Protein backbone atom coordinates (compact mmCIF):
# COMPACT_ATOMS: atom_id res chain seq x y z
CA MET A 1 -19.26 12.41 12.29
CA SER A 2 -18.21 11.93 15.88
CA ASP A 3 -14.67 12.28 17.22
CA GLU A 4 -14.59 8.58 17.93
CA GLN A 5 -15.78 7.82 14.40
CA LYS A 6 -13.14 10.03 12.93
CA ARG A 7 -10.47 8.36 14.98
CA ALA A 8 -11.67 4.85 13.78
CA GLU A 9 -11.46 6.14 10.20
CA GLU A 10 -7.97 7.40 10.60
CA ALA A 11 -6.90 4.16 12.20
CA GLN A 12 -8.37 2.28 9.38
CA ILE A 13 -6.59 4.25 6.87
CA MET A 14 -3.37 3.88 8.42
CA GLU A 15 -3.84 0.09 8.74
CA ARG A 16 -4.59 0.23 4.90
CA VAL A 17 -1.11 1.84 4.23
CA VAL A 18 0.52 -0.88 6.52
CA SER A 19 -1.37 -3.66 4.71
CA ALA A 20 -0.55 -2.52 1.21
CA THR A 21 3.07 -1.89 2.29
CA ARG A 22 3.26 -5.30 3.27
CA GLN A 23 1.74 -6.56 0.02
CA VAL A 24 4.22 -4.60 -1.95
CA GLN A 25 7.03 -6.41 0.06
CA VAL A 26 5.54 -9.86 -0.49
CA ALA A 27 4.95 -9.03 -4.26
CA PHE A 28 8.40 -7.71 -4.45
CA THR A 29 10.17 -10.74 -2.81
CA ALA A 30 8.14 -12.97 -5.16
CA LEU A 31 9.30 -10.81 -8.26
CA GLN A 32 12.89 -10.84 -7.06
CA SER A 33 13.04 -14.52 -6.71
CA GLN A 34 12.54 -14.81 -10.56
CA TYR A 35 15.87 -13.15 -11.22
CA PRO A 36 19.21 -14.68 -10.82
CA PRO A 37 20.68 -16.73 -8.75
CA GLU A 38 17.19 -18.31 -7.99
CA GLY A 39 15.33 -17.36 -11.10
CA SER A 40 15.89 -17.12 -15.11
CA GLY A 41 15.87 -13.34 -15.11
CA LYS A 42 12.56 -13.40 -17.09
CA PRO A 43 9.83 -12.48 -14.55
CA SER A 44 6.25 -13.97 -15.12
CA LYS A 45 3.57 -11.63 -16.24
CA LEU A 46 1.65 -12.60 -13.32
CA ALA A 47 4.45 -11.56 -11.05
CA LEU A 48 4.84 -8.46 -12.82
CA GLN A 49 0.92 -7.61 -12.76
CA THR A 50 0.84 -8.51 -8.80
CA PHE A 51 3.68 -6.15 -8.10
CA ASP A 52 2.06 -3.44 -10.15
CA ALA A 53 -1.38 -3.97 -8.45
CA ALA A 54 0.28 -3.96 -5.05
CA LEU A 55 1.98 -0.73 -5.80
CA GLN A 56 -1.19 0.91 -7.10
CA MET A 57 -2.91 -0.36 -3.68
CA LEU A 58 -0.12 1.48 -1.71
CA GLU A 59 -0.56 4.69 -3.89
CA ASP A 60 -4.22 4.72 -3.26
CA ALA A 61 -3.72 4.13 0.39
CA GLN A 62 -1.14 6.84 0.86
CA ALA A 63 -3.39 9.31 -1.20
CA ALA A 64 -6.32 8.70 1.40
CA PHE A 65 -3.83 8.99 4.28
CA ASP A 66 -2.48 12.23 2.96
CA GLU A 67 -6.15 13.53 2.56
CA VAL A 68 -6.91 12.92 6.15
CA LEU A 69 -3.54 14.24 7.19
CA ASN A 70 -4.00 17.22 5.29
CA ALA A 71 -7.62 17.69 6.80
CA LEU A 72 -5.96 17.15 10.45
CA LEU A 73 -3.13 19.80 9.79
CA ASP A 74 -5.75 22.24 8.38
CA GLY A 75 -7.86 21.76 11.50
CA GLU A 76 -10.81 20.30 9.37
CA ARG A 77 -10.83 17.22 11.54
């Protein structure tokens, strides 16, 4: 893999982390709106599942980022 391809992959992985972070933020805001004062305090199953899925996406993105970062720090990239 060329240096240019590596940089493109690194940028893509970083964008994945940013995107997943935004998705967590959106899902959290939607979940939070289901609690008082706006909501009943009983979040919907869909809101909970959406938040859980967003958190999982962020965790996966962070793991990929950590893998690349460790390779960079170890001089393998």
